Amino acid sequence: MTPISRSGPGRRGIAALICGALAAGGLAAAGVTALEPRAASASSHREAPLISGQPQYDNTDLYAFVSPDKPDTTTLIANFVPFEEPAGGPNFYTFADDAQYDIHIDNNGDAQGELVFRYTFKTHRKNGNTFLYNTGPVTSLDDPDLNITQTYDIDLIKLHKQKPVSRTRIADDVPVAPSNVGKASMPDYGKLRDQAVHPLAGGATTFAGQADDPFFADLRVFDLLYGGNLSEVGNDTLKGYNVNSLALQVPTDMIRESAHQPVVGIWSTVQRKDAHGDWSQVSRLGNPLVNEVVNPQKDKDKFNASAPWDDAQFLKNVTNPELPKLIESIYKIKAPAEPRNDLVDVFLKGVKGLNQPPHVKPAEELRLNTSIKPTASPKRLGVLDGDNAGFPNGRRLGDDVIDEALQVVEGELVGSKNDLGDGVDANDMNFGHSFPYLAEPTSGSRGPLAKGTGNSVRNQLGDGLMTTGSQGPDTALIASSAAAGVAGVLLIGTAVMWWRRRTRYRAY
């Protein structure tokens, strides 16, 4: 297979700004600082009005790739709960008990799912008389000090024309990796992560739990497009935030139609019960950025409730997209001619000769050709840089989908060569070399007082916890500082009383 290559003059000077156009297109975030989590009010993860208020049900990203260390398997990852502040206790982050988290597989290109991996969760509480997530250091997933735990089941549902023909329980009561509270609470979080990786019958492996958010982008665009002078471009505004991840590694033969038809389409959804007790789909995700920058406001909630076989209703959003016009108006880069049939291939059909199944029905799915083996040296721009194992052929954790999508939207595949991007080229944390590949979540206690556990944490509070007779030099310093503070308060109080008394005398 001939790689789809990219070339052309660099336009990085303008390119580094281009996430500003994403802001106008509705992609990005407001109120998010560059280096560490604070109060985040919007992001590309919160792509539609209704789902933005329901983070437990919000798909943030979907990944699908041939496993680099086990090329006879395919890894699927679906992330939820955007912008998890690591120190977000005492009620840390859980999957919803009243939801069905589904990963759909279309293995013949008809825009209908032939397989569904359905996850359902149950929350357990050991002690209702404490506000604590954990009541002591946690050393295992069944530790009695881990007060709040979750378990999950996975059902494999086979369908024909969207009607179930069989249901098999492939995972039962599997523990979820907890939120990473901090070093005192979880002195060896990696051990807990490892215990949550669970082998399944038939050669599959599953993981559910918290992880570092693998999506990387500069989303600070509402401050007049990067501060009005573009000085803020190039910082990963998702650095330090976590997500809840579902990761599933399955034998590739389990999900593809055959070795002769190896392309699968993948999308994830979340359903929850409505007021009538019926299941209602509230979230949907296939390709990254589609519901953020392709669909206008009037269609975003509709898209989240819809299915791929009905995607003809959104076709005009793809053939006549808003984003290139916005980029042209802001940065004077001419928008490609419409209708954009090249975008139909990328987002709705798959690229011909790469990941387009025969007799494909256009539908918004993440399409992966499972016969293309992983490369030892992945390129962040994937197919655009001649690496056909990357996006838009599936999506790996390290694929720079912001830059890739921008370049495609601006006409890279129809002769308008460009080098657009947001200045963020990699995740802030390294990914793993084996399943589940995700980086461990940022610890809730990542400040200067969290360098150790147990007594060392106590010691870092200073010797202020010691008795008077055992004061050391640090305690003397603290005590003298405190004394100075008290003296200052007394002086201020005296001055205020004097001023009030003097004023009162003058008044009479």
Protein backbone atom coordinates (compact mmCIF):
# COMPACT_ATOMS: atom_id res chain seq x y z
CA MET A 1 0.00 0.00 0.00
CA THR A 2 1.41 3.36 -1.00
CA PRO A 3 1.63 5.82 1.90
CA ILE A 4 -0.32 9.04 1.57
CA SER A 5 2.46 11.58 1.87
CA ARG A 6 2.48 15.26 2.69
CA SER A 7 4.75 18.05 1.55
CA GLY A 8 4.68 21.73 0.80
CA PRO A 9 5.93 24.98 2.25
CA GLY A 10 5.84 25.39 6.00
CA ARG A 11 3.41 27.88 7.39
CA ARG A 12 4.18 27.33 11.06
CA GLY A 13 4.18 31.05 11.80
CA ILE A 14 0.47 31.18 11.04
CA ALA A 15 -0.09 27.55 11.90
CA ALA A 16 0.78 27.91 15.55
CA LEU A 17 -2.12 30.30 15.88
CA ILE A 18 -4.77 28.23 14.25
CA CYS A 19 -6.47 26.88 17.33
CA GLY A 20 -7.89 30.38 17.52
CA ALA A 21 -10.04 29.45 14.58
CA LEU A 22 -11.12 26.38 16.50
CA ALA A 23 -12.40 28.69 19.20
CA ALA A 24 -14.62 30.47 16.75
CA GLY A 25 -15.73 27.05 15.53
CA GLY A 26 -16.74 26.02 19.03
CA LEU A 27 -13.90 23.65 19.88
CA ALA A 28 -11.99 25.00 22.78
CA ALA A 29 -11.85 25.97 26.41
CA ALA A 30 -12.37 29.01 28.56
CA GLY A 31 -10.98 29.61 32.03
CA VAL A 32 -8.29 26.92 31.78
CA THR A 33 -4.76 27.68 32.89
CA ALA A 34 -1.73 26.38 31.06
CA LEU A 35 0.09 24.21 33.55
CA GLU A 36 -2.18 22.81 36.18
CA PRO A 37 -5.90 22.13 36.70
CA ARG A 38 -8.08 24.89 38.03
CA ALA A 39 -11.78 25.61 37.50
CA ALA A 40 -12.42 24.51 33.91
CA SER A 41 -15.65 25.71 32.40
CA ALA A 42 -15.48 24.40 28.83
CA SER A 43 -13.40 22.24 26.53
CA SER A 44 -13.40 20.23 23.38
CA HIS A 45 -14.44 17.36 25.63
CA ARG A 46 -17.71 19.12 26.47
CA GLU A 47 -18.85 19.34 22.90
CA ALA A 48 -22.63 19.71 23.22
CA PRO A 49 -24.89 21.77 25.52
CA LEU A 50 -26.75 18.95 27.25
CA ILE A 51 -23.85 16.56 27.83
CA SER A 52 -21.64 19.34 29.23
CA GLY A 53 -23.69 19.15 32.43
CA GLN A 54 -23.40 15.34 32.69
CA PRO A 55 -19.67 14.53 32.87
CA GLN A 56 -20.12 10.89 33.91
CA TYR A 57 -21.84 10.22 30.59
CA ASP A 58 -19.62 12.39 28.42
CA ASN A 59 -17.38 10.63 25.88
CA THR A 60 -14.19 12.66 25.71
CA ASP A 61 -12.13 10.62 23.24
CA LEU A 62 -12.14 7.29 21.40
CA TYR A 63 -9.02 5.41 20.29
CA ALA A 64 -8.60 2.26 18.20
CA PHE A 65 -5.28 0.79 17.04
CA VAL A 66 -3.55 -2.48 16.33
CA SER A 67 -1.69 -3.27 19.56
CA PRO A 68 2.00 -2.44 19.06
CA ASP A 69 3.28 -5.28 21.26
CA LYS A 70 0.57 -7.79 20.27
CA PRO A 71 -0.17 -7.18 16.58
CA ASP A 72 -2.73 -9.97 16.41
CA THR A 73 -4.93 -7.93 18.78
CA THR A 74 -6.72 -4.59 18.57
CA THR A 75 -6.94 -2.12 21.45
CA LEU A 76 -10.05 0.01 21.98
CA ILE A 77 -10.04 2.89 24.49
CA ALA A 78 -13.00 5.11 25.39
CA ASN A 79 -12.58 7.98 27.86
CA PHE A 80 -15.17 9.76 29.99
CA VAL A 81 -15.49 12.51 32.63
CA PRO A 82 -13.53 15.47 31.22
CA PHE A 83 -11.24 17.67 33.29
CA GLU A 84 -10.92 15.54 36.41
CA GLU A 85 -9.11 17.70 38.95
CA PRO A 86 -6.74 15.22 40.68
CA ALA A 87 -7.43 16.67 44.15
CA GLY A 88 -11.20 16.59 43.59
CA GLY A 89 -12.14 14.86 46.86
CA PRO A 90 -13.74 13.86 49.05
CA ASN A 91 -16.06 12.50 46.34
CA PHE A 92 -13.68 11.29 43.67
CA TYR A 93 -14.52 10.12 40.17
CA THR A 94 -16.69 7.13 39.36
CA PHE A 95 -18.49 5.71 36.37
CA ALA A 96 -22.27 6.05 36.53
CA ASP A 97 -24.26 3.13 37.96
CA ASP A 98 -27.32 4.03 35.91
CA ALA A 99 -25.62 3.97 32.51
CA GLN A 100 -24.70 1.59 29.72
CA TYR A 101 -21.28 2.39 28.24
CA ASP A 102 -21.17 0.83 24.77
CA ILE A 103 -18.37 0.34 22.24
CA HIS A 104 -19.88 -0.48 18.82
CA ILE A 105 -18.21 -2.38 15.98
CA ASP A 106 -19.38 -2.12 12.35
CA ASN A 107 -17.36 -4.79 10.52
CA ASN A 108 -18.98 -4.66 7.08
CA GLY A 109 -19.39 -0.94 6.38
CA ASP A 110 -23.20 -0.86 6.47
CA ALA A 111 -23.27 1.85 9.20
CA GLN A 112 -24.87 -0.58 11.65
CA GLY A 113 -23.21 -2.32 14.56
CA GLU A 114 -22.61 -6.05 14.36
CA LEU A 115 -21.00 -6.18 17.82
CA VAL A 116 -21.45 -4.17 21.00
CA PHE A 117 -19.24 -4.35 24.09
CA ARG A 118 -21.52 -3.13 26.87
CA TYR A 119 -20.11 -2.01 30.23
CA THR A 120 -22.27 -1.63 33.34
CA PHE A 121 -20.96 -0.50 36.73
CA LYS A 122 -21.84 -0.93 40.38
CA THR A 123 -20.56 1.22 43.24
CA HIS A 124 -19.81 -0.31 46.66
CA ARG A 125 -19.39 1.47 50.00
CA LYS A 126 -17.81 -0.11 53.06
CA ASN A 127 -18.41 2.62 55.65
CA GLY A 128 -21.20 5.15 55.38
CA ASN A 129 -20.22 6.90 58.61
CA THR A 130 -17.18 8.66 57.18
CA PHE A 131 -16.77 11.29 54.50
CA LEU A 132 -13.53 9.65 53.34
CA TYR A 133 -12.95 7.93 49.99
CA ASN A 134 -10.34 5.84 51.80
CA THR A 135 -9.83 5.48 55.54
CA GLY A 136 -6.13 4.61 55.46
CA PRO A 137 -3.28 3.74 53.08
CA VAL A 138 -4.58 1.54 50.25
CA THR A 139 -2.27 -1.28 49.13
CA SER A 140 -4.65 -3.42 47.06
CA LEU A 141 -7.99 -3.12 45.29
CA ASP A 142 -9.64 -5.23 48.01
CA ASP A 143 -8.02 -3.27 50.84
CA PRO A 144 -10.59 -2.62 53.62
CA ASP A 145 -9.31 0.96 53.78
CA LEU A 146 -10.58 1.64 50.24
CA ASN A 147 -14.04 2.78 51.23
CA ILE A 148 -15.55 3.46 47.80
CA THR A 149 -15.00 0.86 45.09
CA GLN A 150 -16.56 -0.03 41.77
CA THR A 151 -16.92 -3.24 39.78
CA TYR A 152 -18.16 -3.78 36.26
CA ASP A 153 -19.49 -6.36 33.85
CA ILE A 154 -18.97 -6.55 30.08
CA ASP A 155 -21.54 -8.15 27.80
CA LEU A 156 -20.72 -8.93 24.18
CA ILE A 157 -23.89 -8.44 22.16
CA LYS A 158 -24.08 -9.71 18.58
CA LEU A 159 -26.62 -8.04 16.32
CA HIS A 160 -28.21 -8.42 12.93
CA LYS A 161 -29.82 -5.30 11.48
CA GLN A 162 -29.66 -3.81 14.99
CA LYS A 163 -31.56 -6.67 16.60
CA PRO A 164 -29.70 -8.71 19.25
CA VAL A 165 -29.11 -12.32 18.29
CA SER A 166 -26.89 -13.31 21.24
CA ARG A 167 -25.48 -11.95 24.48
CA THR A 168 -22.40 -13.32 26.25
CA ARG A 169 -21.02 -12.16 29.59
CA ILE A 170 -17.27 -11.86 28.99
CA ALA A 171 -16.35 -10.02 32.21
CA ASP A 172 -18.07 -10.32 35.57
CA ASP A 173 -17.51 -8.22 38.69
CA VAL A 174 -14.11 -6.90 37.61
CA PRO A 175 -12.64 -4.21 39.93
CA VAL A 176 -12.10 -0.65 38.73
CA ALA A 177 -8.82 1.14 39.45
CA PRO A 178 -9.59 3.95 41.94
CA SER A 179 -8.91 7.65 41.62
CA ASN A 180 -5.32 8.48 42.53
CA VAL A 181 -5.98 10.30 45.81
CA GLY A 182 -2.32 10.87 46.66
CA LYS A 183 0.89 9.36 47.94
CA ALA A 184 -0.18 9.02 51.55
CA SER A 185 -3.43 7.30 50.59
CA MET A 186 -2.01 5.20 47.74
CA PRO A 187 1.75 4.79 48.25
CA ASP A 188 2.08 2.48 45.21
CA TYR A 189 -0.57 3.49 42.71
CA GLY A 190 1.13 1.51 39.95
CA LYS A 191 0.40 -1.68 41.88
CA LEU A 192 -3.29 -0.79 42.04
CA ARG A 193 -3.28 -0.04 38.30
CA ASP A 194 -1.71 -3.45 37.58
CA GLN A 195 -4.33 -5.22 39.68
CA ALA A 196 -7.07 -3.63 37.57
CA VAL A 197 -5.69 -5.14 34.34
CA HIS A 198 -7.77 -8.30 34.01
CA PRO A 199 -7.40 -11.15 31.50
CA LEU A 200 -10.58 -12.47 29.88
CA ALA A 201 -11.42 -15.75 28.19
CA GLY A 202 -10.38 -16.06 24.58
CA GLY A 203 -7.26 -13.91 24.80
CA ALA A 204 -8.87 -10.54 25.60
CA THR A 205 -7.77 -8.14 28.36
CA THR A 206 -9.71 -5.37 30.08
CA PHE A 207 -8.97 -2.32 32.20
CA ALA A 208 -11.25 0.33 33.69
CA GLY A 209 -10.14 3.18 35.89
CA GLN A 210 -8.58 6.59 36.11
CA ALA A 211 -5.79 7.65 33.74
CA ASP A 212 -3.96 10.75 32.64
CA ASP A 213 -5.97 12.44 29.90
CA PRO A 214 -4.08 11.40 26.73
CA PHE A 215 -5.57 14.19 24.61
CA PHE A 216 -3.14 17.08 24.11
CA ALA A 217 -4.00 20.51 22.74
CA ASP A 218 -3.83 24.22 23.44
CA LEU A 219 -7.41 25.19 24.14
CA ARG A 220 -6.98 28.69 25.61
CA VAL A 221 -8.66 30.59 22.85
CA PHE A 222 -11.47 32.69 24.30
CA ASP A 223 -9.12 35.37 25.62
CA LEU A 224 -9.36 37.25 22.29
CA LEU A 225 -7.60 34.38 20.52
CA TYR A 226 -4.63 33.70 22.77
CA GLY A 227 -4.39 36.92 24.67
CA GLY A 228 -4.99 39.17 21.67
CA ASN A 229 -1.33 38.95 20.62
CA LEU A 230 -1.02 35.14 20.29
CA SER A 231 1.44 35.02 23.19
CA GLU A 232 -0.31 32.05 24.81
CA VAL A 233 -0.02 29.53 21.96
CA GLY A 234 1.69 26.20 22.49
CA ASN A 235 0.76 25.09 26.02
CA ASP A 236 -1.05 21.82 26.70
CA THR A 237 -4.07 23.02 28.65
CA LEU A 238 -5.05 19.42 29.45
CA LYS A 239 -1.80 18.86 31.32
CA GLY A 240 -2.45 17.56 34.82
CA TYR A 241 -6.05 16.51 34.27
CA ASN A 242 -7.32 12.94 34.43
CA VAL A 243 -10.16 10.99 32.82
CA ASN A 244 -11.98 7.72 33.44
CA SER A 245 -10.92 5.15 30.86
CA LEU A 246 -12.30 1.92 29.46
CA ALA A 247 -9.60 -0.07 27.68
CA LEU A 248 -10.23 -3.38 25.94
CA GLN A 249 -7.71 -5.46 24.01
CA VAL A 250 -9.29 -8.19 21.89
CA PRO A 251 -8.07 -10.69 19.30
CA THR A 252 -8.51 -8.93 15.97
CA ASP A 253 -10.32 -11.93 14.49
CA MET A 254 -12.99 -11.38 17.14
CA ILE A 255 -14.10 -8.04 15.70
CA ARG A 256 -13.34 -8.00 11.96
CA GLU A 257 -15.55 -9.64 9.34
CA SER A 258 -12.67 -11.62 7.80
CA ALA A 259 -9.03 -11.38 6.78
CA HIS A 260 -10.31 -10.32 3.35
CA GLN A 261 -12.39 -7.49 4.84
CA PRO A 262 -10.25 -6.20 7.74
CA VAL A 263 -11.73 -2.69 8.12
CA VAL A 264 -13.87 -2.06 11.19
CA GLY A 265 -15.82 1.06 12.10
CA ILE A 266 -15.96 1.97 15.78
CA TRP A 267 -17.98 4.41 17.85
CA SER A 268 -18.87 4.69 21.53
CA THR A 269 -22.12 5.71 23.16
CA VAL A 270 -23.62 6.15 26.61
CA GLN A 271 -27.22 5.43 27.47
CA ARG A 272 -29.03 6.25 30.67
CA LYS A 273 -32.58 5.76 31.86
CA ASP A 274 -34.97 8.63 31.33
CA ALA A 275 -37.88 9.67 33.56
CA HIS A 276 -40.00 6.86 32.10
CA GLY A 277 -37.40 4.20 32.86
CA ASP A 278 -36.43 3.77 29.20
CA TRP A 279 -32.85 3.75 27.98
CA SER A 280 -31.94 6.95 26.15
CA GLN A 281 -28.66 7.66 24.33
CA VAL A 282 -27.05 10.85 25.61
CA SER A 283 -23.52 10.72 24.20
CA ARG A 284 -21.81 9.50 21.04
CA LEU A 285 -18.25 9.68 19.70
CA GLY A 286 -16.39 8.32 16.68
CA ASN A 287 -13.80 10.53 15.00
CA PRO A 288 -12.31 13.27 17.18
CA LEU A 289 -13.53 16.86 16.79
CA VAL A 290 -16.57 16.10 14.61
CA ASN A 291 -19.26 17.18 17.04
CA GLU A 292 -17.05 20.06 18.19
CA VAL A 293 -16.16 21.82 14.94
CA VAL A 294 -18.16 20.16 12.17
CA ASN A 295 -21.64 20.18 13.68
CA PRO A 296 -23.21 23.58 14.46
CA GLN A 297 -24.93 24.30 17.77
CA LYS A 298 -28.37 23.31 16.48
CA ASP A 299 -27.17 19.77 15.68
CA LYS A 300 -24.88 18.95 18.59
CA ASP A 301 -27.42 17.43 20.99
CA LYS A 302 -29.18 15.74 18.06
CA PHE A 303 -25.90 14.12 17.00
CA ASN A 304 -25.30 12.79 20.51
CA ALA A 305 -28.70 11.10 20.44
CA SER A 306 -28.38 9.76 16.89
CA ALA A 307 -26.93 6.64 15.23
CA PRO A 308 -24.50 6.33 12.29
CA TRP A 309 -27.12 4.89 9.94
CA ASP A 310 -28.97 8.21 10.18
CA ASP A 311 -25.96 10.42 9.49
CA ALA A 312 -27.24 11.60 6.11
CA GLN A 313 -29.02 14.35 8.07
CA PHE A 314 -25.60 15.85 8.96
CA LEU A 315 -24.03 15.54 5.49
CA LYS A 316 -24.13 19.27 4.71
CA ASN A 317 -22.13 20.00 7.84
CA VAL A 318 -19.29 17.98 6.29
CA THR A 319 -19.57 19.05 2.64
CA ASN A 320 -20.00 22.74 3.53
CA PRO A 321 -18.09 23.13 6.81
CA GLU A 322 -17.99 26.35 8.80
CA LEU A 323 -14.43 26.06 10.10
CA PRO A 324 -12.48 26.80 6.86
CA LYS A 325 -14.56 29.97 6.36
CA LEU A 326 -13.71 31.10 9.88
CA ILE A 327 -10.03 30.42 9.32
CA GLU A 328 -10.19 32.44 6.10
CA SER A 329 -11.87 35.37 7.82
CA ILE A 330 -9.38 35.40 10.73
CA TYR A 331 -6.09 34.36 9.11
CA LYS A 332 -6.76 35.07 5.42
CA ILE A 333 -5.98 31.48 4.41
CA LYS A 334 -8.28 30.75 1.49
CA ALA A 335 -10.91 28.09 2.19
CA PRO A 336 -10.93 25.10 -0.18
CA ALA A 337 -13.71 24.87 -2.75
CA GLU A 338 -16.99 23.21 -1.80
CA PRO A 339 -18.54 20.66 -1.70
CA ARG A 340 -15.82 19.04 0.45
CA ASN A 341 -15.97 15.44 -0.76
CA ASP A 342 -12.47 14.91 0.65
CA LEU A 343 -13.92 15.40 4.14
CA VAL A 344 -16.69 12.92 3.35
CA ASP A 345 -13.96 10.33 2.76
CA VAL A 346 -12.04 11.15 5.94
CA PHE A 347 -14.97 11.50 8.35
CA LEU A 348 -17.77 9.41 6.79
CA LYS A 349 -16.39 6.72 4.46
CA GLY A 350 -12.73 6.15 5.16
CA VAL A 351 -9.87 6.86 2.76
CA LYS A 352 -10.08 4.73 -0.37
CA GLY A 353 -7.29 2.19 -0.53
CA LEU A 354 -6.56 2.64 3.16
CA ASN A 355 -9.50 2.18 5.51
CA GLN A 356 -12.63 2.36 3.35
CA PRO A 357 -14.63 -0.89 3.40
CA PRO A 358 -16.29 -2.11 0.20
CA HIS A 359 -19.88 -0.96 -0.39
CA VAL A 360 -19.50 1.51 2.47
CA LYS A 361 -22.48 3.55 3.62
CA PRO A 362 -21.33 7.01 4.68
CA ALA A 363 -21.46 7.27 8.46
CA GLU A 364 -19.43 8.97 11.19
CA GLU A 365 -17.24 6.18 12.57
CA LEU A 366 -13.59 5.83 13.52
CA ARG A 367 -12.42 3.39 10.82
CA LEU A 368 -9.43 1.09 11.34
CA ASN A 369 -7.80 -1.24 8.83
CA THR A 370 -6.69 -4.01 11.17
CA SER A 371 -4.40 -5.57 8.53
CA ILE A 372 -1.95 -2.64 8.70
CA LYS A 373 0.72 -3.58 11.21
CA PRO A 374 1.96 -1.07 13.78
CA THR A 375 5.17 0.77 13.03
CA ALA A 376 8.20 0.81 15.28
CA SER A 377 8.54 4.57 14.76
CA PRO A 378 5.08 6.17 14.87
CA LYS A 379 4.71 9.64 13.37
CA ARG A 380 2.43 12.05 15.15
CA LEU A 381 0.78 13.19 11.89
CA GLY A 382 -0.07 9.62 10.94
CA VAL A 383 -1.28 9.16 7.38
CA LEU A 384 -0.44 12.75 6.45
CA ASP A 385 3.22 11.95 7.11
CA GLY A 386 3.22 8.56 5.39
CA ASP A 387 2.49 6.52 8.55
CA ASN A 388 -0.59 4.55 7.53
CA ALA A 389 -0.92 2.94 10.96
CA GLY A 390 -2.09 6.27 12.41
CA PHE A 391 -5.02 8.66 12.24
CA PRO A 392 -7.33 8.78 10.32
CA ASN A 393 -6.70 5.03 10.08
CA GLY A 394 -7.95 4.47 13.61
CA ARG A 395 -6.39 6.62 16.27
CA ARG A 396 -3.37 5.98 18.47
CA LEU A 397 -2.75 7.71 21.78
CA GLY A 398 0.12 9.75 20.34
CA ASP A 399 -1.60 10.88 17.15
CA ASP A 400 -1.76 14.68 16.94
CA VAL A 401 -5.38 14.84 15.79
CA ILE A 402 -5.64 18.62 16.21
CA ASP A 403 -2.89 19.30 13.68
CA GLU A 404 -4.03 16.48 11.38
CA ALA A 405 -7.66 17.56 11.35
CA LEU A 406 -6.75 21.21 10.76
CA GLN A 407 -4.52 20.37 7.84
CA VAL A 408 -7.16 18.12 6.27
CA VAL A 409 -9.92 20.68 6.81
CA GLU A 410 -7.72 23.29 5.14
CA GLY A 411 -7.34 21.10 2.05
CA GLU A 412 -4.19 19.02 2.52
CA LEU A 413 -5.77 16.14 0.58
CA VAL A 414 -6.97 18.34 -2.30
CA GLY A 415 -3.75 20.15 -3.08
CA SER A 416 -3.77 22.96 -0.51
CA LYS A 417 -0.56 22.01 1.25
CA ASN A 418 -0.21 23.51 4.73
CA ASP A 419 1.49 23.01 8.05
CA LEU A 420 -1.18 24.15 10.46
CA GLY A 421 -1.23 23.24 14.14
CA ASP A 422 -1.70 24.43 17.70
CA GLY A 423 1.93 24.25 18.83
CA VAL A 424 1.34 21.21 21.11
CA ASP A 425 2.86 18.11 19.53
CA ALA A 426 2.83 15.49 22.29
CA ASN A 427 1.24 14.53 25.58
CA ASP A 428 2.89 15.80 28.75
CA MET A 429 3.27 12.25 30.10
CA ASN A 430 4.75 9.21 28.35
CA PHE A 431 2.45 6.41 27.33
CA GLY A 432 3.09 2.80 28.31
CA HIS A 433 4.53 0.08 26.07
CA SER A 434 1.97 -2.53 27.07
CA PHE A 435 -1.76 -2.65 27.72
CA PRO A 436 -3.53 -0.43 28.75
CA TYR A 437 -0.85 1.94 27.32
CA LEU A 438 -2.39 4.96 29.11
CA ALA A 439 -0.22 7.04 31.43
CA GLU A 440 -1.02 6.76 35.12
CA PRO A 441 -3.27 9.51 36.49
CA THR A 442 -1.83 12.60 38.11
CA SER A 443 -1.80 12.25 41.88
CA GLY A 444 -4.19 14.31 43.96
CA SER A 445 -1.32 15.32 46.24
CA ARG A 446 1.25 16.60 43.80
CA GLY A 447 2.38 19.62 45.81
CA PRO A 448 5.52 20.12 47.91
CA LEU A 449 3.99 18.40 50.97
CA ALA A 450 3.49 15.11 49.15
CA LYS A 451 6.99 13.79 48.59
CA GLY A 452 6.56 10.80 50.89
CA THR A 453 4.08 8.76 52.84
CA GLY A 454 3.23 8.05 56.44
CA ASN A 455 5.54 9.76 58.92
CA SER A 456 7.50 11.52 56.18
CA VAL A 457 4.37 13.45 55.22
CA ARG A 458 3.84 14.27 58.89
CA ASN A 459 7.44 15.44 59.13
CA GLN A 460 7.04 17.71 56.11
CA LEU A 461 4.42 19.67 57.98
CA GLY A 462 7.32 20.91 60.03
CA ASP A 463 7.91 19.99 63.65
CA GLY A 464 4.86 21.95 64.66
CA LEU A 465 3.22 18.67 65.62
CA MET A 466 5.92 18.07 68.26
CA THR A 467 5.58 19.00 71.91
CA THR A 468 7.13 22.21 73.20
CA GLY A 469 10.05 20.41 74.74
CA SER A 470 11.11 18.83 71.45
CA GLN A 471 11.18 21.91 69.28
CA GLY A 472 13.87 22.05 66.63
CA PRO A 473 15.15 24.98 64.58
CA ASP A 474 12.26 24.73 62.10
CA THR A 475 9.80 24.95 64.96
CA ALA A 476 11.59 27.97 66.38
CA LEU A 477 11.31 29.66 63.02
CA ILE A 478 7.60 28.82 62.80
CA ALA A 479 7.07 29.99 66.35
CA SER A 480 8.91 33.26 65.82
CA SER A 481 6.97 33.87 62.62
CA ALA A 482 3.75 33.18 64.43
CA ALA A 483 4.77 35.51 67.27
CA ALA A 484 5.57 38.23 64.78
CA GLY A 485 2.17 37.68 63.21
CA VAL A 486 0.41 37.95 66.55
CA ALA A 487 2.38 41.07 67.40
CA GLY A 488 1.41 42.56 64.08
CA VAL A 489 -2.25 41.84 64.70
CA LEU A 490 -2.01 43.38 68.17
CA LEU A 491 -0.34 46.51 66.78
CA ILE A 492 -3.00 46.86 64.09
CA GLY A 493 -5.75 46.27 66.64
CA THR A 494 -4.27 48.87 68.97
CA ALA A 495 -3.96 51.39 66.17
CA VAL A 496 -7.57 50.84 65.09
CA MET A 497 -8.86 51.21 68.66
CA TRP A 498 -6.83 54.41 69.06
CA TRP A 499 -8.17 55.81 65.77
CA ARG A 500 -11.79 54.94 66.66
CA ARG A 501 -11.45 56.47 70.13
CA ARG A 502 -9.86 59.60 68.68
CA THR A 503 -12.63 59.89 66.09
CA ARG A 504 -15.31 59.41 68.74
CA TYR A 505 -13.84 62.18 70.88
CA ARG A 506 -13.81 64.50 67.89
CA ALA A 507 -17.42 63.68 67.08
CA TYR A 508 -18.54 64.85 70.50
